[in-house]
Amino acid sequence: MTMTTLLGYFAGFLTTVSFLPQVVKTWKSRSASDLSLGMFSVFSVGVMCWLGYGFLLQETPMIFWNAVTLVLALAIMVMKLKFDS
């Protein structure tokens, strides 16, 4: 594995893991009132674009971490809709 690929995995890991505290906090508190549905919607579309870009380039780190980030962002959106309705 090249240093470039390792850097891609590490960068993806850090940016993806940064969502975990928010997911856990939202789940535990059962509240997402301070979160913006608009922001997470636009962000999720952006992550989908990055995911597609990763597939086009066949870049495994980009595909893997954007897929995981998308799942976390969508989980936050679902909790926002469920807990704040």
C-alpha atoms as a PDB file:
ATOM      1  CA  MET A   1       0.000   0.000   0.000  1.00  0.00           C
ATOM      2  CA  THR A   2       1.384   3.387  -0.975  1.00  0.00           C
ATOM      3  CA  MET A   3       1.814   6.361   1.335  1.00  0.00           C
ATOM      4  CA  THR A   4      -0.801   8.194  -0.757  1.00  0.00           C
ATOM      5  CA  THR A   5      -3.357   5.462  -0.124  1.00  0.00           C
ATOM      6  CA  LEU A   6      -2.487   5.360   3.579  1.00  0.00           C
ATOM      7  CA  LEU A   7      -2.935   9.123   3.783  1.00  0.00           C
ATOM      8  CA  GLY A   8      -6.320   8.764   2.088  1.00  0.00           C
ATOM      9  CA  TYR A   9      -7.445   6.149   4.599  1.00  0.00           C
ATOM     10  CA  PHE A  10      -6.185   8.214   7.542  1.00  0.00           C
ATOM     11  CA  ALA A  11      -7.819  11.443   6.309  1.00  0.00           C
ATOM     12  CA  GLY A  12     -11.076   9.622   5.664  1.00  0.00           C
ATOM     13  CA  PHE A  13     -10.955   7.991   9.070  1.00  0.00           C
ATOM     14  CA  LEU A  14     -10.484  11.301  10.873  1.00  0.00           C
ATOM     15  CA  THR A  15     -13.181  13.202   8.993  1.00  0.00           C
ATOM     16  CA  THR A  16     -15.648  10.332   9.308  1.00  0.00           C
ATOM     17  CA  VAL A  17     -15.014   9.648  12.989  1.00  0.00           C
ATOM     18  CA  SER A  18     -15.684  13.324  13.694  1.00  0.00           C
ATOM     19  CA  PHE A  19     -19.397  12.568  13.145  1.00  0.00           C
ATOM     20  CA  LEU A  20     -19.584   9.835  15.778  1.00  0.00           C
ATOM     21  CA  PRO A  21     -19.864  12.131  18.816  1.00  0.00           C
ATOM     22  CA  GLN A  22     -22.807  13.942  17.196  1.00  0.00           C
ATOM     23  CA  VAL A  23     -24.564  10.690  16.320  1.00  0.00           C
ATOM     24  CA  VAL A  24     -24.096   9.346  19.848  1.00  0.00           C
ATOM     25  CA  LYS A  25     -25.170  12.630  21.497  1.00  0.00           C
ATOM     26  CA  THR A  26     -28.270  12.913  19.332  1.00  0.00           C
ATOM     27  CA  TRP A  27     -29.215   9.290  19.975  1.00  0.00           C
ATOM     28  CA  LYS A  28     -28.734   9.558  23.740  1.00  0.00           C
ATOM     29  CA  SER A  29     -30.522  12.885  24.144  1.00  0.00           C
ATOM     30  CA  ARG A  30     -33.282  12.000  21.662  1.00  0.00           C
ATOM     31  CA  SER A  31     -33.075  15.601  20.480  1.00  0.00           C
ATOM     32  CA  ALA A  32     -31.718  17.160  17.323  1.00  0.00           C
ATOM     33  CA  SER A  33     -33.328  20.558  17.696  1.00  0.00           C
ATOM     34  CA  ASP A  34     -30.003  22.386  17.419  1.00  0.00           C
ATOM     35  CA  LEU A  35     -29.065  20.628  14.180  1.00  0.00           C
ATOM     36  CA  SER A  36     -29.863  22.030  10.765  1.00  0.00           C
ATOM     37  CA  LEU A  37     -31.765  19.664   8.495  1.00  0.00           C
ATOM     38  CA  GLY A  38     -30.851  21.884   5.537  1.00  0.00           C
ATOM     39  CA  MET A  39     -27.142  21.659   6.310  1.00  0.00           C
ATOM     40  CA  PHE A  40     -27.208  17.889   6.678  1.00  0.00           C
ATOM     41  CA  SER A  41     -29.271  17.546   3.494  1.00  0.00           C
ATOM     42  CA  VAL A  42     -26.822  19.580   1.416  1.00  0.00           C
ATOM     43  CA  PHE A  43     -23.878  17.857   3.103  1.00  0.00           C
ATOM     44  CA  SER A  44     -25.318  14.411   2.316  1.00  0.00           C
ATOM     45  CA  VAL A  45     -25.736  15.301  -1.361  1.00  0.00           C
ATOM     46  CA  GLY A  46     -22.133  16.505  -1.395  1.00  0.00           C
ATOM     47  CA  VAL A  47     -20.946  13.257   0.178  1.00  0.00           C
ATOM     48  CA  MET A  48     -22.925  11.305  -2.428  1.00  0.00           C
ATOM     49  CA  CYS A  49     -21.093  13.277  -5.115  1.00  0.00           C
ATOM     50  CA  TRP A  50     -17.727  12.496  -3.491  1.00  0.00           C
ATOM     51  CA  LEU A  51     -18.754   8.850  -3.329  1.00  0.00           C
ATOM     52  CA  GLY A  52     -19.584   8.848  -7.039  1.00  0.00           C
ATOM     53  CA  TYR A  53     -16.301  10.600  -7.769  1.00  0.00           C
ATOM     54  CA  GLY A  54     -14.472   7.929  -5.782  1.00  0.00           C
ATOM     55  CA  PHE A  55     -16.152   5.198  -7.831  1.00  0.00           C
ATOM     56  CA  LEU A  56     -15.224   6.941 -11.076  1.00  0.00           C
ATOM     57  CA  LEU A  57     -11.600   7.181  -9.949  1.00  0.00           C
ATOM     58  CA  GLN A  58     -11.700   3.707  -8.382  1.00  0.00           C
ATOM     59  CA  GLU A  59     -10.208   5.124  -5.181  1.00  0.00           C
ATOM     60  CA  THR A  60     -10.995   2.669  -2.392  1.00  0.00           C
ATOM     61  CA  PRO A  61     -10.310   5.031   0.550  1.00  0.00           C
ATOM     62  CA  MET A  62     -12.592   7.683  -0.956  1.00  0.00           C
ATOM     63  CA  ILE A  63     -15.335   5.149  -1.628  1.00  0.00           C
ATOM     64  CA  PHE A  64     -15.133   3.499   1.786  1.00  0.00           C
ATOM     65  CA  TRP A  65     -14.995   6.584   3.984  1.00  0.00           C
ATOM     66  CA  ASN A  66     -17.579   8.564   2.033  1.00  0.00           C
ATOM     67  CA  ALA A  67     -19.946   5.593   2.240  1.00  0.00           C
ATOM     68  CA  VAL A  68     -19.486   5.467   6.018  1.00  0.00           C
ATOM     69  CA  THR A  69     -19.843   9.260   6.314  1.00  0.00           C
ATOM     70  CA  LEU A  70     -23.029   9.125   4.266  1.00  0.00           C
ATOM     71  CA  VAL A  71     -24.505   6.505   6.595  1.00  0.00           C
ATOM     72  CA  LEU A  72     -23.675   8.657   9.638  1.00  0.00           C
ATOM     73  CA  ALA A  73     -25.039  11.852   8.066  1.00  0.00           C
ATOM     74  CA  LEU A  74     -28.233  10.077   7.033  1.00  0.00           C
ATOM     75  CA  ALA A  75     -28.561   8.637  10.544  1.00  0.00           C
ATOM     76  CA  ILE A  76     -28.424  12.168  11.939  1.00  0.00           C
ATOM     77  CA  MET A  77     -31.040  13.308   9.424  1.00  0.00           C
ATOM     78  CA  VAL A  78     -33.342  10.420  10.338  1.00  0.00           C
ATOM     79  CA  MET A  79     -32.966  11.211  14.039  1.00  0.00           C
ATOM     80  CA  LYS A  80     -33.640  14.890  13.314  1.00  0.00           C
ATOM     81  CA  LEU A  81     -36.881  13.990  11.567  1.00  0.00           C
ATOM     82  CA  LYS A  82     -37.899  11.394  14.162  1.00  0.00           C
ATOM     83  CA  PHE A  83     -37.004  13.169  17.404  1.00  0.00           C
ATOM     84  CA  ASP A  84     -38.045  16.711  16.477  1.00  0.00           C
ATOM     85  CA  SER A  85     -41.394  16.002  14.842  1.00  0.00           C
END
